[in-house]
Each structure stands twice: as C-alpha cells, then as structure tokens.
Amino acid sequence: SSGALARFLSTGIKEKGKLVGVFCTQLPPNARPKDPSEWLRVQKASIATQAADAILPDAMEGFIQAWDSFAPSNGQRLSGLQSAYITNNPYPPGEKDKLNFSSGSEAYHAVHKQH
C-alpha cells in the first residue's frame, strides 16, 4: 500500500498471550536505510507529520476494526492477510508494496484501499 501506514507498519500478533507471528508491510527498496540514524530521523519526522494529519486516527480505527472482523483468531487473521498481501501478491519480491489492496469481500481490503 502507498497509504499513510505502509512504510512502517509492523504488528506483533498474539494468541492467548503467545506471539504467533508478525504482520508487517514491506519497505520498498528505495526506502531501505543505508544510514540507520538518518533513516530513523526521517521516519520520526514522517510520523510527526502524519500524526498531525486528521486522517491517521481514522485510518488506525479502520484498520483495527477491519483486523478484528477479518477472522475469528489472530493466527487466522495473520495467515489470511499474509496470503492476501504477500503470498498471492502478483508483484515480485521488492515490489510487493505496489499492491494497493487485495481482492475479497472482507472490510480489511476496503480499508487498505482507502488508506
């Protein structure tokens, strides 16, 4: 996704208190840090700018609700979304971020398309 959260979204997925996986977006090759300090500075500035944008709280709320409704358990959500956005993504490695949203009737895909 090229939306507000795409470059730095990474979430630990827990099931009954146990980490079952991590769902994260892929950094495009040109966004990968050569100098971690500079990358961190840029990310902090980007987050501050985005946090001031009124759309971010709506996007976060939309993703939270869509995540919760995607499947009955965190493990199933993780597996289903990894399949939709990584495994079945038609773009090659290094270009997976070009997929704005996956097909399907789940609310998550509509929210992903919007943000």
N, C-alpha and C. Protein backbone atom coordinates (compact mmCIF):
# COMPACT_ATOMS: atom_id res chain seq x y z
N SER A 1 0.84 -1.19 0.00
CA SER A 1 0.00 0.00 0.00
C SER A 1 0.88 1.24 0.00
N SER A 2 0.42 2.26 -0.63
CA SER A 2 1.17 3.51 -0.60
C SER A 2 0.54 4.48 0.39
N GLY A 3 -0.30 3.97 1.26
CA GLY A 3 -1.03 4.80 2.20
C GLY A 3 -0.21 5.26 3.39
N ALA A 4 -0.89 5.89 4.31
CA ALA A 4 -0.26 6.56 5.45
C ALA A 4 0.59 5.63 6.30
N LEU A 5 0.23 4.37 6.40
CA LEU A 5 0.91 3.48 7.32
C LEU A 5 1.91 2.55 6.66
N ALA A 6 1.96 2.55 5.35
CA ALA A 6 2.64 1.49 4.62
C ALA A 6 4.11 1.31 4.94
N ARG A 7 4.86 2.37 5.17
CA ARG A 7 6.30 2.21 5.30
C ARG A 7 6.76 1.74 6.66
N PHE A 8 5.93 1.81 7.67
CA PHE A 8 6.44 1.46 8.98
C PHE A 8 5.49 0.63 9.82
N LEU A 9 4.45 0.07 9.23
CA LEU A 9 3.51 -0.71 10.00
C LEU A 9 4.07 -2.10 10.26
N SER A 10 4.19 -2.46 11.49
CA SER A 10 4.63 -3.78 11.90
C SER A 10 3.93 -4.08 13.21
N THR A 11 3.25 -5.21 13.27
CA THR A 11 2.46 -5.52 14.44
C THR A 11 2.73 -6.94 14.90
N GLY A 12 3.05 -7.09 16.17
CA GLY A 12 3.18 -8.42 16.76
C GLY A 12 1.78 -8.99 16.97
N ILE A 13 1.56 -10.22 16.54
CA ILE A 13 0.26 -10.86 16.63
C ILE A 13 0.30 -11.89 17.75
N LYS A 14 -0.57 -11.71 18.73
CA LYS A 14 -0.59 -12.62 19.86
C LYS A 14 -1.90 -13.42 19.89
N GLU A 15 -1.79 -14.65 20.33
CA GLU A 15 -2.93 -15.54 20.51
C GLU A 15 -2.77 -16.12 21.91
N LYS A 16 -3.71 -15.82 22.80
CA LYS A 16 -3.65 -16.27 24.19
C LYS A 16 -2.33 -15.90 24.85
N GLY A 17 -1.88 -14.68 24.60
CA GLY A 17 -0.67 -14.17 25.21
C GLY A 17 0.63 -14.62 24.56
N LYS A 18 0.56 -15.51 23.56
CA LYS A 18 1.76 -16.03 22.90
C LYS A 18 1.90 -15.38 21.53
N LEU A 19 3.10 -14.92 21.21
CA LEU A 19 3.36 -14.34 19.90
C LEU A 19 3.27 -15.44 18.85
N VAL A 20 2.34 -15.24 17.89
CA VAL A 20 2.17 -16.24 16.83
C VAL A 20 2.73 -15.76 15.50
N GLY A 21 3.10 -14.51 15.43
CA GLY A 21 3.68 -14.00 14.19
C GLY A 21 3.76 -12.50 14.19
N VAL A 22 4.27 -11.99 13.11
CA VAL A 22 4.37 -10.55 12.92
C VAL A 22 3.81 -10.23 11.55
N PHE A 23 2.90 -9.28 11.52
CA PHE A 23 2.35 -8.82 10.25
C PHE A 23 2.96 -7.46 9.99
N CYS A 24 3.62 -7.32 8.86
CA CYS A 24 4.24 -6.03 8.56
C CYS A 24 4.21 -5.78 7.06
N THR A 25 4.34 -4.54 6.73
CA THR A 25 4.42 -4.18 5.32
C THR A 25 5.87 -4.20 4.89
N GLN A 26 6.08 -4.28 3.62
CA GLN A 26 7.43 -4.32 3.06
C GLN A 26 7.90 -2.92 2.72
N LEU A 27 9.11 -2.62 3.10
CA LEU A 27 9.71 -1.35 2.69
C LEU A 27 10.13 -1.46 1.23
N PRO A 28 9.76 -0.51 0.40
CA PRO A 28 10.26 -0.54 -0.97
C PRO A 28 11.78 -0.42 -0.97
N PRO A 29 12.46 -0.98 -1.97
CA PRO A 29 13.93 -0.95 -1.97
C PRO A 29 14.52 0.45 -1.78
N ASN A 30 13.91 1.47 -2.36
CA ASN A 30 14.46 2.82 -2.23
C ASN A 30 14.21 3.43 -0.86
N ALA A 31 13.43 2.76 0.00
CA ALA A 31 13.16 3.28 1.35
C ALA A 31 14.01 2.58 2.40
N ARG A 32 14.77 1.57 2.00
CA ARG A 32 15.59 0.84 2.96
C ARG A 32 16.77 1.71 3.39
N PRO A 33 17.08 1.68 4.69
CA PRO A 33 18.12 2.58 5.19
C PRO A 33 19.54 2.17 4.81
N LYS A 34 20.33 3.14 4.39
CA LYS A 34 21.77 2.93 4.23
C LYS A 34 22.44 3.40 5.51
N ASP A 35 21.92 4.47 6.08
CA ASP A 35 22.40 5.00 7.35
C ASP A 35 21.23 4.93 8.33
N PRO A 36 21.24 3.96 9.25
CA PRO A 36 20.11 3.80 10.18
C PRO A 36 19.76 5.06 10.96
N SER A 37 20.72 5.87 11.32
CA SER A 37 20.44 7.10 12.07
C SER A 37 19.64 8.08 11.22
N GLU A 38 20.04 8.22 9.96
CA GLU A 38 19.33 9.12 9.05
C GLU A 38 17.93 8.58 8.77
N TRP A 39 17.83 7.28 8.58
CA TRP A 39 16.52 6.66 8.33
C TRP A 39 15.59 6.91 9.52
N LEU A 40 16.12 6.73 10.73
CA LEU A 40 15.31 6.95 11.94
C LEU A 40 14.86 8.41 12.03
N ARG A 41 15.74 9.34 11.72
CA ARG A 41 15.39 10.77 11.73
C ARG A 41 14.26 11.04 10.74
N VAL A 42 14.38 10.49 9.55
CA VAL A 42 13.35 10.69 8.52
C VAL A 42 12.03 10.06 8.96
N GLN A 43 12.08 8.87 9.54
CA GLN A 43 10.86 8.21 10.00
C GLN A 43 10.19 8.99 11.12
N LYS A 44 10.97 9.51 12.05
CA LYS A 44 10.40 10.32 13.13
C LYS A 44 9.71 11.56 12.58
N ALA A 45 10.33 12.21 11.62
CA ALA A 45 9.73 13.40 11.01
C ALA A 45 8.45 13.02 10.26
N SER A 46 8.49 11.90 9.57
CA SER A 46 7.32 11.43 8.82
C SER A 46 6.16 11.09 9.76
N ILE A 47 6.48 10.41 10.85
CA ILE A 47 5.45 10.05 11.83
C ILE A 47 4.85 11.31 12.45
N ALA A 48 5.69 12.27 12.79
CA ALA A 48 5.19 13.52 13.39
C ALA A 48 4.26 14.24 12.42
N THR A 49 4.64 14.28 11.15
CA THR A 49 3.79 14.92 10.13
C THR A 49 2.48 14.17 9.99
N GLN A 50 2.56 12.85 9.91
CA GLN A 50 1.35 12.05 9.74
C GLN A 50 0.47 12.09 10.98
N ALA A 51 1.08 12.16 12.16
CA ALA A 51 0.30 12.23 13.39
C ALA A 51 -0.52 13.51 13.47
N ALA A 52 -0.03 14.55 12.83
CA ALA A 52 -0.76 15.82 12.82
C ALA A 52 -1.91 15.80 11.81
N ASP A 53 -1.92 14.81 10.94
CA ASP A 53 -2.95 14.69 9.91
C ASP A 53 -4.19 14.04 10.54
N ALA A 54 -5.32 14.65 10.34
CA ALA A 54 -6.57 14.16 10.94
C ALA A 54 -6.97 12.79 10.42
N ILE A 55 -6.44 12.37 9.27
CA ILE A 55 -6.84 11.08 8.71
C ILE A 55 -6.22 9.90 9.46
N LEU A 56 -5.08 10.09 10.12
CA LEU A 56 -4.40 8.98 10.77
C LEU A 56 -5.26 8.29 11.83
N PRO A 57 -5.91 9.00 12.74
CA PRO A 57 -6.76 8.29 13.71
C PRO A 57 -7.89 7.50 13.03
N ASP A 58 -8.46 8.06 11.97
CA ASP A 58 -9.50 7.33 11.24
C ASP A 58 -8.93 6.07 10.59
N ALA A 59 -7.73 6.20 10.01
CA ALA A 59 -7.09 5.04 9.38
C ALA A 59 -6.80 3.96 10.42
N MET A 60 -6.24 4.36 11.56
CA MET A 60 -5.94 3.38 12.61
C MET A 60 -7.20 2.69 13.10
N GLU A 61 -8.24 3.45 13.35
CA GLU A 61 -9.50 2.86 13.80
C GLU A 61 -10.07 1.92 12.75
N GLY A 62 -10.00 2.33 11.50
CA GLY A 62 -10.49 1.48 10.42
C GLY A 62 -9.72 0.18 10.34
N PHE A 63 -8.40 0.24 10.44
CA PHE A 63 -7.59 -0.98 10.39
C PHE A 63 -7.85 -1.87 11.60
N ILE A 64 -8.01 -1.29 12.77
CA ILE A 64 -8.29 -2.09 13.97
C ILE A 64 -9.62 -2.83 13.82
N GLN A 65 -10.65 -2.13 13.41
CA GLN A 65 -11.96 -2.78 13.24
C GLN A 65 -11.91 -3.83 12.14
N ALA A 66 -11.24 -3.51 11.04
CA ALA A 66 -11.16 -4.45 9.92
C ALA A 66 -10.34 -5.69 10.31
N TRP A 67 -9.27 -5.48 11.08
CA TRP A 67 -8.45 -6.60 11.56
C TRP A 67 -9.31 -7.52 12.43
N ASP A 68 -10.03 -6.92 13.37
CA ASP A 68 -10.84 -7.72 14.29
C ASP A 68 -11.91 -8.52 13.58
N SER A 69 -12.46 -7.99 12.49
CA SER A 69 -13.54 -8.68 11.79
C SER A 69 -13.05 -9.62 10.69
N PHE A 70 -11.75 -9.63 10.41
CA PHE A 70 -11.23 -10.42 9.29
C PHE A 70 -11.38 -11.92 9.51
N ALA A 71 -11.11 -12.40 10.72
CA ALA A 71 -11.18 -13.83 11.03
C ALA A 71 -11.35 -13.98 12.54
N PRO A 72 -11.76 -15.17 12.99
CA PRO A 72 -12.03 -15.35 14.42
C PRO A 72 -10.82 -15.26 15.35
N SER A 73 -9.61 -15.59 14.86
CA SER A 73 -8.44 -15.57 15.75
C SER A 73 -7.30 -14.78 15.10
N ASN A 74 -6.38 -14.34 15.94
CA ASN A 74 -5.22 -13.59 15.43
C ASN A 74 -4.39 -14.44 14.47
N GLY A 75 -4.23 -15.72 14.78
CA GLY A 75 -3.47 -16.61 13.90
C GLY A 75 -4.11 -16.73 12.53
N GLN A 76 -5.44 -16.83 12.50
CA GLN A 76 -6.15 -16.90 11.22
C GLN A 76 -6.08 -15.58 10.47
N ARG A 77 -6.15 -14.48 11.20
CA ARG A 77 -6.02 -13.15 10.58
C ARG A 77 -4.64 -13.01 9.95
N LEU A 78 -3.62 -13.35 10.72
CA LEU A 78 -2.25 -13.26 10.23
C LEU A 78 -2.06 -14.09 8.98
N SER A 79 -2.48 -15.33 9.03
CA SER A 79 -2.32 -16.24 7.90
C SER A 79 -3.08 -15.74 6.67
N GLY A 80 -4.33 -15.33 6.87
CA GLY A 80 -5.15 -14.86 5.76
C GLY A 80 -4.61 -13.60 5.11
N LEU A 81 -4.14 -12.66 5.92
CA LEU A 81 -3.63 -11.41 5.37
C LEU A 81 -2.25 -11.58 4.75
N GLN A 82 -1.42 -12.44 5.32
CA GLN A 82 -0.13 -12.73 4.68
C GLN A 82 -0.36 -13.38 3.32
N SER A 83 -1.33 -14.27 3.25
CA SER A 83 -1.66 -14.90 1.98
C SER A 83 -2.15 -13.87 0.97
N ALA A 84 -3.05 -12.99 1.41
CA ALA A 84 -3.64 -12.00 0.51
C ALA A 84 -2.63 -10.95 0.04
N TYR A 85 -1.75 -10.51 0.93
CA TYR A 85 -0.88 -9.38 0.61
C TYR A 85 0.57 -9.74 0.31
N ILE A 86 0.96 -10.98 0.61
CA ILE A 86 2.34 -11.37 0.34
C ILE A 86 2.38 -12.57 -0.61
N THR A 87 1.87 -13.72 -0.15
CA THR A 87 1.95 -14.94 -0.94
C THR A 87 1.25 -14.82 -2.29
N ASN A 88 0.02 -14.31 -2.29
CA ASN A 88 -0.76 -14.20 -3.54
C ASN A 88 -0.62 -12.84 -4.21
N ASN A 89 0.30 -12.04 -3.74
CA ASN A 89 0.55 -10.73 -4.34
C ASN A 89 1.19 -10.96 -5.71
N PRO A 90 0.61 -10.39 -6.78
CA PRO A 90 1.15 -10.65 -8.12
C PRO A 90 2.49 -9.97 -8.40
N TYR A 91 2.91 -9.04 -7.56
CA TYR A 91 4.16 -8.34 -7.79
C TYR A 91 5.35 -9.16 -7.28
N PRO A 92 6.50 -9.03 -7.91
CA PRO A 92 7.68 -9.80 -7.48
C PRO A 92 8.26 -9.24 -6.18
N PRO A 93 9.11 -10.02 -5.52
CA PRO A 93 9.78 -9.52 -4.31
C PRO A 93 10.48 -8.19 -4.62
N GLY A 94 10.39 -7.28 -3.67
CA GLY A 94 10.95 -5.95 -3.85
C GLY A 94 9.94 -4.97 -4.42
N GLU A 95 8.81 -5.48 -4.92
CA GLU A 95 7.77 -4.63 -5.48
C GLU A 95 6.39 -4.93 -4.89
N LYS A 96 6.35 -5.71 -3.82
CA LYS A 96 5.07 -6.09 -3.20
C LYS A 96 4.28 -4.88 -2.73
N ASP A 97 4.97 -3.78 -2.44
CA ASP A 97 4.30 -2.57 -1.97
C ASP A 97 3.43 -1.92 -3.04
N LYS A 98 3.56 -2.36 -4.28
CA LYS A 98 2.74 -1.80 -5.37
C LYS A 98 1.29 -2.25 -5.29
N LEU A 99 1.02 -3.33 -4.55
CA LEU A 99 -0.35 -3.81 -4.39
C LEU A 99 -1.08 -2.90 -3.41
N ASN A 100 -2.02 -2.12 -3.89
CA ASN A 100 -2.76 -1.20 -3.03
C ASN A 100 -3.75 -1.92 -2.13
N PHE A 101 -4.38 -2.95 -2.66
CA PHE A 101 -5.33 -3.72 -1.87
C PHE A 101 -5.52 -5.07 -2.53
N SER A 102 -5.96 -6.02 -1.75
CA SER A 102 -6.22 -7.36 -2.26
C SER A 102 -7.71 -7.51 -2.53
N SER A 103 -8.06 -8.44 -3.40
CA SER A 103 -9.48 -8.67 -3.67
C SER A 103 -10.09 -9.46 -2.51
N GLY A 104 -11.36 -9.35 -2.37
CA GLY A 104 -12.07 -10.05 -1.31
C GLY A 104 -13.15 -9.16 -0.73
N SER A 105 -14.09 -9.79 -0.08
CA SER A 105 -15.22 -9.04 0.47
C SER A 105 -14.97 -8.53 1.89
N GLU A 106 -13.84 -8.91 2.50
CA GLU A 106 -13.56 -8.50 3.87
C GLU A 106 -13.31 -7.00 3.94
N ALA A 107 -13.75 -6.40 5.04
CA ALA A 107 -13.59 -4.96 5.25
C ALA A 107 -12.12 -4.53 5.22
N TYR A 108 -11.22 -5.43 5.61
CA TYR A 108 -9.80 -5.07 5.65
C TYR A 108 -9.32 -4.57 4.29
N HIS A 109 -9.76 -5.21 3.21
CA HIS A 109 -9.31 -4.82 1.88
C HIS A 109 -9.81 -3.44 1.49
N ALA A 110 -11.03 -3.13 1.89
CA ALA A 110 -11.60 -1.80 1.59
C ALA A 110 -10.83 -0.72 2.36
N VAL A 111 -10.50 -1.00 3.62
CA VAL A 111 -9.74 -0.04 4.43
C VAL A 111 -8.33 0.11 3.85
N HIS A 112 -7.73 -0.98 3.43
CA HIS A 112 -6.39 -0.94 2.84
C HIS A 112 -6.41 -0.12 1.56
N LYS A 113 -7.45 -0.27 0.78
CA LYS A 113 -7.60 0.50 -0.46
C LYS A 113 -7.76 1.99 -0.15
N GLN A 114 -8.50 2.30 0.89
CA GLN A 114 -8.77 3.70 1.25
C GLN A 114 -7.53 4.39 1.79
N HIS A 115 -6.71 3.68 2.55
CA HIS A 115 -5.57 4.32 3.22
C HIS A 115 -4.26 3.84 2.66
